[in-house]
PDB file of N, CA and C in Angstrom:
ATOM      1  N   MET A   1      16.587  12.624  -3.764  1.00  0.00           N
ATOM      2  CA  MET A   1      15.027  12.424  -2.754  1.00  0.00           C
ATOM      3  C   MET A   1      14.353  11.404  -3.935  1.00  0.00           C
ATOM      4  N   VAL A   2      13.465  10.816  -3.489  1.00  0.00           N
ATOM      5  CA  VAL A   2      12.119  10.482  -4.547  1.00  0.00           C
ATOM      6  C   VAL A   2      11.453  10.710  -4.412  1.00  0.00           C
ATOM      7  N   GLN A   3      10.997  11.205  -5.643  1.00  0.00           N
ATOM      8  CA  GLN A   3       9.461  11.387  -6.400  1.00  0.00           C
ATOM      9  C   GLN A   3       8.095  10.780  -5.292  1.00  0.00           C
ATOM     10  N   LEU A   4       7.412  11.547  -4.751  1.00  0.00           N
ATOM     11  CA  LEU A   4       6.132  10.383  -4.266  1.00  0.00           C
ATOM     12  C   LEU A   4       4.688  11.019  -4.980  1.00  0.00           C
ATOM     13  N   PRO A   5       4.359  10.448  -6.797  1.00  0.00           N
ATOM     14  CA  PRO A   5       2.924  10.701  -7.069  1.00  0.00           C
ATOM     15  C   PRO A   5       2.200  10.258  -6.439  1.00  0.00           C
ATOM     16  N   ASP A   6       1.149  10.997  -5.883  1.00  0.00           N
ATOM     17  CA  ASP A   6       0.566  11.359  -5.593  1.00  0.00           C
ATOM     18  C   ASP A   6      -1.038   9.940  -5.527  1.00  0.00           C
ATOM     19  N   GLU A   7      -0.984   9.364  -6.431  1.00  0.00           N
ATOM     20  CA  GLU A   7      -1.534   7.904  -7.513  1.00  0.00           C
ATOM     21  C   GLU A   7      -0.616   6.866  -6.436  1.00  0.00           C
ATOM     22  N   LEU A   8       0.470   7.165  -6.482  1.00  0.00           N
ATOM     23  CA  LEU A   8       0.990   5.803  -5.141  1.00  0.00           C
ATOM     24  C   LEU A   8       0.527   5.719  -3.718  1.00  0.00           C
ATOM     25  N   ILE A   9       0.947   7.257  -3.534  1.00  0.00           N
ATOM     26  CA  ILE A   9       0.180   7.175  -1.710  1.00  0.00           C
ATOM     27  C   ILE A   9      -1.036   6.458  -1.631  1.00  0.00           C
ATOM     28  N   LYS A  10      -1.887   7.097  -2.246  1.00  0.00           N
ATOM     29  CA  LYS A  10      -3.534   6.060  -3.069  1.00  0.00           C
ATOM     30  C   LYS A  10      -3.629   4.831  -2.611  1.00  0.00           C
ATOM     31  N   LEU A  11      -2.780   4.572  -3.304  1.00  0.00           N
ATOM     32  CA  LEU A  11      -3.074   3.089  -4.066  1.00  0.00           C
ATOM     33  C   LEU A  11      -2.307   2.030  -2.765  1.00  0.00           C
ATOM     34  N   GLU A  12      -1.138   3.270  -1.745  1.00  0.00           N
ATOM     35  CA  GLU A  12      -0.751   1.660  -1.358  1.00  0.00           C
ATOM     36  C   GLU A  12      -1.814   2.228   0.589  1.00  0.00           C
ATOM     37  N   ARG A  13      -2.428   3.535   0.328  1.00  0.00           N
ATOM     38  CA  ARG A  13      -3.362   3.527   1.641  1.00  0.00           C
ATOM     39  C   ARG A  13      -4.657   2.162   1.086  1.00  0.00           C
ATOM     40  N   SER A  14      -4.976   2.555  -0.267  1.00  0.00           N
ATOM     41  CA  SER A  14      -5.879   1.331   0.181  1.00  0.00           C
ATOM     42  C   SER A  14      -5.744   0.539   0.615  1.00  0.00           C
ATOM     43  N   ALA A  15      -4.351  -0.668   0.079  1.00  0.00           N
ATOM     44  CA  ALA A  15      -3.984  -1.873   0.410  1.00  0.00           C
ATOM     45  C   ALA A  15      -4.251  -1.656   1.569  1.00  0.00           C
ATOM     46  N   ASP A  16      -3.558  -1.029   2.368  1.00  0.00           N
ATOM     47  CA  ASP A  16      -3.602  -0.346   3.411  1.00  0.00           C
ATOM     48  C   ASP A  16      -4.692  -0.901   4.327  1.00  0.00           C
ATOM     49  N   LYS A  17      -5.667  -0.627   3.297  1.00  0.00           N
ATOM     50  CA  LYS A  17      -7.523  -0.410   4.364  1.00  0.00           C
ATOM     51  C   LYS A  17      -7.763  -1.613   4.034  1.00  0.00           C
ATOM     52  N   GLU A  18      -7.865  -2.448   3.008  1.00  0.00           N
ATOM     53  CA  GLU A  18      -7.944  -3.819   2.804  1.00  0.00           C
ATOM     54  C   GLU A  18      -7.356  -5.385   3.832  1.00  0.00           C
ATOM     55  N   CYS A  19      -6.310  -4.404   3.947  1.00  0.00           N
ATOM     56  CA  CYS A  19      -5.195  -5.784   4.620  1.00  0.00           C
ATOM     57  C   CYS A  19      -5.891  -5.231   6.226  1.00  0.00           C
ATOM     58  N   ALA A  20      -6.547  -4.095   6.394  1.00  0.00           N
ATOM     59  CA  ALA A  20      -6.740  -4.010   8.208  1.00  0.00           C
ATOM     60  C   ALA A  20      -7.866  -4.846   7.612  1.00  0.00           C
ATOM     61  N   GLN A  21      -8.900  -4.306   7.227  1.00  0.00           N
ATOM     62  CA  GLN A  21     -10.316  -5.394   7.150  1.00  0.00           C
ATOM     63  C   GLN A  21     -10.350  -7.257   7.094  1.00  0.00           C
ATOM     64  N   LEU A  22      -8.895  -7.101   6.912  1.00  0.00           N
ATOM     65  CA  LEU A  22      -8.808  -9.100   7.571  1.00  0.00           C
ATOM     66  C   LEU A  22      -8.591  -9.270   8.610  1.00  0.00           C
ATOM     67  N   ALA A  23      -8.403  -8.509   9.925  1.00  0.00           N
ATOM     68  CA  ALA A  23      -8.562  -8.569  11.535  1.00  0.00           C
ATOM     69  C   ALA A  23     -10.395  -9.061  11.651  1.00  0.00           C
ATOM     70  N   GLY A  24     -10.051 -10.808  12.306  1.00  0.00           N
ATOM     71  CA  GLY A  24     -10.773 -10.750  12.763  1.00  0.00           C
ATOM     72  C   GLY A  24     -12.016 -11.875  11.817  1.00  0.00           C
ATOM     73  N   LEU A  25     -11.147 -12.104  10.535  1.00  0.00           N
ATOM     74  CA  LEU A  25     -12.379 -12.764   9.686  1.00  0.00           C
ATOM     75  C   LEU A  25     -11.850 -14.508   9.916  1.00  0.00           C
ATOM     76  N   THR A  26     -12.894 -15.064   9.189  1.00  0.00           N
ATOM     77  CA  THR A  26     -12.553 -16.792   9.387  1.00  0.00           C
ATOM     78  C   THR A  26     -13.425 -16.843   7.529  1.00  0.00           C
ATOM     79  N   GLY A  27     -12.461 -18.258   7.442  1.00  0.00           N
ATOM     80  CA  GLY A  27     -12.674 -18.608   6.749  1.00  0.00           C
ATOM     81  C   GLY A  27     -13.630 -17.860   5.330  1.00  0.00           C
ATOM     82  N   GLU A  28     -15.076 -18.295   4.647  1.00  0.00           N
ATOM     83  CA  GLU A  28     -15.059 -17.627   3.385  1.00  0.00           C
ATOM     84  C   GLU A  28     -14.773 -16.125   2.915  1.00  0.00           C
ATOM     85  N   ALA A  29     -15.232 -14.907   4.446  1.00  0.00           N
ATOM     86  CA  ALA A  29     -15.206 -13.995   4.318  1.00  0.00           C
ATOM     87  C   ALA A  29     -13.547 -13.611   3.987  1.00  0.00           C
ATOM     88  N   ASP A  30     -12.996 -14.285   4.986  1.00  0.00           N
ATOM     89  CA  ASP A  30     -11.636 -14.263   4.822  1.00  0.00           C
ATOM     90  C   ASP A  30     -10.688 -13.934   3.982  1.00  0.00           C
ATOM     91  N   ASP A  31     -11.013 -15.708   2.900  1.00  0.00           N
ATOM     92  CA  ASP A  31     -10.873 -15.706   1.799  1.00  0.00           C
ATOM     93  C   ASP A  31     -10.962 -14.774   0.955  1.00  0.00           C
ATOM     94  N   THR A  32     -12.075 -13.798   0.831  1.00  0.00           N
ATOM     95  CA  THR A  32     -12.241 -12.995  -0.521  1.00  0.00           C
ATOM     96  C   THR A  32     -11.970 -11.336   0.083  1.00  0.00           C
ATOM     97  N   GLN A  33     -11.528 -11.489   1.361  1.00  0.00           N
ATOM     98  CA  GLN A  33     -11.253 -10.332   2.101  1.00  0.00           C
ATOM     99  C   GLN A  33      -9.243 -10.479   1.646  1.00  0.00           C
ATOM    100  N   TRP A  34      -8.937 -11.515   1.469  1.00  0.00           N
ATOM    101  CA  TRP A  34      -7.221 -11.916   1.294  1.00  0.00           C
ATOM    102  C   TRP A  34      -7.379 -11.528   0.093  1.00  0.00           C
ATOM    103  N   ARG A  35      -8.404 -11.577  -1.131  1.00  0.00           N
ATOM    104  CA  ARG A  35      -8.291 -11.391  -2.144  1.00  0.00           C
ATOM    105  C   ARG A  35      -7.791 -10.764  -2.698  1.00  0.00           C
ATOM    106  N   ARG A  36      -8.755  -9.488  -1.883  1.00  0.00           N
ATOM    107  CA  ARG A  36      -8.851  -8.164  -2.121  1.00  0.00           C
ATOM    108  C   ARG A  36      -7.455  -7.335  -1.981  1.00  0.00           C
ATOM    109  N   TRP A  37      -7.232  -7.272  -0.632  1.00  0.00           N
ATOM    110  CA  TRP A  37      -6.117  -7.053  -0.660  1.00  0.00           C
ATOM    111  C   TRP A  37      -5.062  -7.761  -1.317  1.00  0.00           C
ATOM    112  N   ARG A  38      -4.865  -9.107  -1.960  1.00  0.00           N
ATOM    113  CA  ARG A  38      -3.699  -9.451  -2.892  1.00  0.00           C
ATOM    114  C   ARG A  38      -4.149  -8.265  -3.713  1.00  0.00           C
ATOM    115  N   GLU A  39      -5.226  -8.421  -4.234  1.00  0.00           N
ATOM    116  CA  GLU A  39      -4.788  -7.677  -5.806  1.00  0.00           C
ATOM    117  C   GLU A  39      -5.249  -5.941  -4.795  1.00  0.00           C
ATOM    118  N   ALA A  40      -5.141  -5.361  -4.354  1.00  0.00           N
ATOM    119  CA  ALA A  40      -4.573  -3.785  -3.843  1.00  0.00           C
ATOM    120  C   ALA A  40      -3.520  -3.411  -3.762  1.00  0.00           C
ATOM    121  N   SER A  41      -2.721  -5.108  -3.295  1.00  0.00           N
ATOM    122  CA  SER A  41      -1.270  -4.857  -3.030  1.00  0.00           C
ATOM    123  C   SER A  41      -0.683  -4.588  -4.426  1.00  0.00           C
ATOM    124  N   GLU A  42      -1.464  -5.562  -5.544  1.00  0.00           N
ATOM    125  CA  GLU A  42      -0.824  -5.956  -6.907  1.00  0.00           C
ATOM    126  C   GLU A  42      -0.591  -4.792  -7.241  1.00  0.00           C
ATOM    127  N   LYS A  43      -1.539  -4.147  -7.528  1.00  0.00           N
ATOM    128  CA  LYS A  43      -1.919  -2.902  -7.984  1.00  0.00           C
ATOM    129  C   LYS A  43      -0.997  -1.954  -7.477  1.00  0.00           C
ATOM    130  N   VAL A  44      -0.011  -2.347  -6.308  1.00  0.00           N
ATOM    131  CA  VAL A  44       0.939  -1.126  -6.209  1.00  0.00           C
ATOM    132  C   VAL A  44       2.020  -0.895  -6.176  1.00  0.00           C
ATOM    133  N   GLN A  45       2.119  -3.034  -6.246  1.00  0.00           N
ATOM    134  CA  GLN A  45       3.520  -3.326  -7.191  1.00  0.00           C
ATOM    135  C   GLN A  45       3.539  -2.690  -8.108  1.00  0.00           C
ATOM    136  N   ALA A  46       2.584  -2.652  -9.025  1.00  0.00           N
ATOM    137  CA  ALA A  46       2.796  -2.711 -10.535  1.00  0.00           C
ATOM    138  C   ALA A  46       3.197  -0.953 -10.473  1.00  0.00           C
ATOM    139  N   ALA A  47       2.686  -0.105  -9.946  1.00  0.00           N
ATOM    140  CA  ALA A  47       2.929   0.825 -10.138  1.00  0.00           C
ATOM    141  C   ALA A  47       4.373   1.759  -9.941  1.00  0.00           C
ATOM    142  N   VAL A  48       4.236   1.178  -8.994  1.00  0.00           N
ATOM    143  CA  VAL A  48       6.036   1.266  -8.588  1.00  0.00           C
ATOM    144  C   VAL A  48       6.967   1.052  -9.377  1.00  0.00           C
ATOM    145  N   THR A  49       6.924   0.313  -9.822  1.00  0.00           N
ATOM    146  CA  THR A  49       8.064  -0.780 -10.953  1.00  0.00           C
ATOM    147  C   THR A  49       7.525   0.604 -11.829  1.00  0.00           C
ATOM    148  N   ALA A  50       6.549   0.305 -12.819  1.00  0.00           N
ATOM    149  CA  ALA A  50       5.649   1.433 -13.446  1.00  0.00           C
ATOM    150  C   ALA A  50       6.939   2.910 -12.861  1.00  0.00           C
ATOM    151  N   HIS A  51       6.597   3.323 -12.819  1.00  0.00           N
ATOM    152  CA  HIS A  51       6.904   5.095 -12.281  1.00  0.00           C
ATOM    153  C   HIS A  51       8.712   4.891 -12.037  1.00  0.00           C
ATOM    154  N   ALA A  52       8.957   3.726 -11.548  1.00  0.00           N
ATOM    155  CA  ALA A  52      10.317   3.612 -10.915  1.00  0.00           C
ATOM    156  C   ALA A  52      11.144   4.041 -12.805  1.00  0.00           C
ATOM    157  N   GLU A  53      10.222   2.145 -13.180  1.00  0.00           N
ATOM    158  CA  GLU A  53      10.996   2.225 -15.010  1.00  0.00           C
ATOM    159  C   GLU A  53      11.116   3.736 -15.296  1.00  0.00           C
ATOM    160  N   SER A  54      10.006   4.290 -15.527  1.00  0.00           N
ATOM    161  CA  SER A  54      10.052   5.804 -16.138  1.00  0.00           C
ATOM    162  C   SER A  54      10.897   6.757 -15.701  1.00  0.00           C
ATOM    163  N   ALA A  55      10.568   6.520 -14.532  1.00  0.00           N
ATOM    164  CA  ALA A  55      11.542   7.941 -13.661  1.00  0.00           C
ATOM    165  C   ALA A  55      12.434   7.663 -13.826  1.00  0.00           C
ATOM    166  N   GLU A  56      13.705   6.398 -14.049  1.00  0.00           N
ATOM    167  CA  GLU A  56      14.798   5.964 -14.117  1.00  0.00           C
ATOM    168  C   GLU A  56      15.280   6.215 -12.221  1.00  0.00           C
ATOM    169  N   SER A  57      14.281   5.397 -11.705  1.00  0.00           N
ATOM    170  CA  SER A  57      14.796   5.588 -10.598  1.00  0.00           C
ATOM    171  C   SER A  57      15.100   4.419  -9.630  1.00  0.00           C
ATOM    172  N   ASN A  58      15.217   4.435  -8.659  1.00  0.00           N
ATOM    173  CA  ASN A  58      15.621   2.536  -7.611  1.00  0.00           C
ATOM    174  C   ASN A  58      13.996   2.476  -7.139  1.00  0.00           C
ATOM    175  N   ARG A  59      13.539   1.570  -7.584  1.00  0.00           N
ATOM    176  CA  ARG A  59      12.644   0.654  -7.339  1.00  0.00           C
ATOM    177  C   ARG A  59      12.380   0.771  -5.499  1.00  0.00           C
ATOM    178  N   HIS A  60      13.046  -0.308  -5.607  1.00  0.00           N
ATOM    179  CA  HIS A  60      12.897  -0.373  -3.525  1.00  0.00           C
ATOM    180  C   HIS A  60      12.972   0.877  -2.950  1.00  0.00           C
ATOM    181  N   GLU A  61      13.777   2.319  -2.923  1.00  0.00           N
ATOM    182  CA  GLU A  61      14.018   2.871  -2.720  1.00  0.00           C
ATOM    183  C   GLU A  61      12.449   3.474  -2.965  1.00  0.00           C
ATOM    184  N   LEU A  62      12.282   3.213  -3.956  1.00  0.00           N
ATOM    185  CA  LEU A  62      10.704   4.308  -4.735  1.00  0.00           C
ATOM    186  C   LEU A  62       9.604   3.687  -3.850  1.00  0.00           C
ATOM    187  N   GLU A  63       9.701   2.544  -3.520  1.00  0.00           N
ATOM    188  CA  GLU A  63       8.125   1.525  -2.344  1.00  0.00           C
ATOM    189  C   GLU A  63       8.575   1.959  -0.831  1.00  0.00           C
ATOM    190  N   GLN A  64       9.892   1.605  -0.139  1.00  0.00           N
ATOM    191  CA  GLN A  64      10.290   1.712   0.665  1.00  0.00           C
ATOM    192  C   GLN A  64       9.968   3.293   0.984  1.00  0.00           C
ATOM    193  N   ALA A  65       9.576   4.547  -0.001  1.00  0.00           N
ATOM    194  CA  ALA A  65       9.340   6.106   0.622  1.00  0.00           C
ATOM    195  C   ALA A  65       8.511   6.407   0.665  1.00  0.00           C
ATOM    196  N   VAL A  66       7.277   5.176  -0.535  1.00  0.00           N
ATOM    197  CA  VAL A  66       5.959   5.458  -0.116  1.00  0.00           C
ATOM    198  C   VAL A  66       6.023   4.867   1.240  1.00  0.00           C
ATOM    199  N   LYS A  67       6.117   3.837   1.516  1.00  0.00           N
ATOM    200  CA  LYS A  67       5.360   2.686   2.640  1.00  0.00           C
ATOM    201  C   LYS A  67       5.639   3.694   3.590  1.00  0.00           C
ATOM    202  N   LYS A  68       6.562   4.355   3.574  1.00  0.00           N
ATOM    203  CA  LYS A  68       7.280   5.324   5.335  1.00  0.00           C
ATOM    204  C   LYS A  68       6.355   6.557   5.044  1.00  0.00           C
ATOM    205  N   ALA A  69       5.900   7.406   3.908  1.00  0.00           N
ATOM    206  CA  ALA A  69       5.474   8.335   3.935  1.00  0.00           C
ATOM    207  C   ALA A  69       3.554   8.146   4.159  1.00  0.00           C
ATOM    208  N   VAL A  70       2.727   6.573   4.293  1.00  0.00           N
ATOM    209  CA  VAL A  70       1.918   6.231   4.203  1.00  0.00           C
ATOM    210  C   VAL A  70       1.750   5.883   5.644  1.00  0.00           C
ATOM    211  N   ARG A  71       2.618   4.961   5.771  1.00  0.00           N
ATOM    212  CA  ARG A  71       3.067   4.410   7.761  1.00  0.00           C
ATOM    213  C   ARG A  71       2.681   6.686   8.387  1.00  0.00           C
ATOM    214  N   HIS A  72       4.177   7.052   7.561  1.00  0.00           N
ATOM    215  CA  HIS A  72       4.053   8.452   9.222  1.00  0.00           C
ATOM    216  C   HIS A  72       3.017   9.216   8.799  1.00  0.00           C
ATOM    217  N   ALA A  73       2.209   9.169   7.955  1.00  0.00           N
ATOM    218  CA  ALA A  73       0.896  10.074   8.184  1.00  0.00           C
ATOM    219  C   ALA A  73       0.033   9.071   9.155  1.00  0.00           C
ATOM    220  N   GLN A  74      -0.111   7.726   8.847  1.00  0.00           N
ATOM    221  CA  GLN A  74      -1.564   7.000  10.036  1.00  0.00           C
ATOM    222  C   GLN A  74      -0.436   7.606  11.513  1.00  0.00           C
ATOM    223  N   GLN A  75       0.753   7.750  11.295  1.00  0.00           N
ATOM    224  CA  GLN A  75       0.686   7.786  13.458  1.00  0.00           C
ATOM    225  C   GLN A  75       0.779   9.463  13.100  1.00  0.00           C
ATOM    226  N   GLU A  76       1.612   9.722  12.766  1.00  0.00           N
ATOM    227  CA  GLU A  76      -0.035  11.686  13.189  1.00  0.00           C
ATOM    228  C   GLU A  76      -0.783  11.921  13.400  1.00  0.00           C
ATOM    229  N   GLY A  77      -1.729   9.735  12.757  1.00  0.00           N
ATOM    230  CA  GLY A  77      -3.019  10.241  13.859  1.00  0.00           C
ATOM    231  C   GLY A  77      -3.993  10.782  12.087  1.00  0.00           C
ATOM    232  N   LEU A  78      -3.673  11.663  11.227  1.00  0.00           N
ATOM    233  CA  LEU A  78      -4.119  11.641   9.712  1.00  0.00           C
ATOM    234  C   LEU A  78      -5.204  11.471   8.547  1.00  0.00           C
ATOM    235  N   LEU A  79      -4.662   9.280   9.436  1.00  0.00           N
ATOM    236  CA  LEU A  79      -5.036   8.146   8.789  1.00  0.00           C
ATOM    237  C   LEU A  79      -6.049   7.323   9.699  1.00  0.00           C
ATOM    238  N   LEU A  80      -6.570   6.505   8.688  1.00  0.00           N
ATOM    239  CA  LEU A  80      -6.951   5.806  10.339  1.00  0.00           C
ATOM    240  C   LEU A  80      -5.866   4.831  10.424  1.00  0.00           C
ATOM    241  N   SER A  81      -5.818   4.235  11.841  1.00  0.00           N
ATOM    242  CA  SER A  81      -4.566   3.389  12.394  1.00  0.00           C
ATOM    243  C   SER A  81      -4.985   2.056  11.065  1.00  0.00           C
ATOM    244  N   VAL A  82      -3.679   1.205  10.641  1.00  0.00           N
ATOM    245  CA  VAL A  82      -4.550  -0.181   9.904  1.00  0.00           C
ATOM    246  C   VAL A  82      -2.841  -0.791  10.568  1.00  0.00           C
ATOM    247  N   VAL A  83      -3.258  -2.046  10.340  1.00  0.00           N
ATOM    248  CA  VAL A  83      -2.929  -3.562  10.686  1.00  0.00           C
ATOM    249  C   VAL A  83      -2.014  -3.890   9.498  1.00  0.00           C
ATOM    250  N   HIS A  84      -0.225  -3.791   9.599  1.00  0.00           N
ATOM    251  CA  HIS A  84       0.511  -4.081   8.227  1.00  0.00           C
ATOM    252  C   HIS A  84       0.315  -5.025   8.218  1.00  0.00           C
ATOM    253  N   CYS A  85       0.107  -6.191   6.689  1.00  0.00           N
ATOM    254  CA  CYS A  85       0.198  -6.987   6.204  1.00  0.00           C
ATOM    255  C   CYS A  85       1.899  -7.712   5.766  1.00  0.00           C
TER     256      CYS A  85
END
């Protein structure tokens, strides 16, 4: 079983929230929010890679477990629902 550090969950939630804020935006506002989402996503990817390397675990499995944990919590109504990017 893959261990899921709280920090990875927090980063993924943050990226999902940034993605959700893209809904309905156009022009400069869309461009600005797109950059915010991309930066948040890059932080998730870097953290997943670093953790997988330090724990000598499969990076893909770790990433999928983080996404599943965050989305499962959202489906349970524990978090705001978001649009998945």
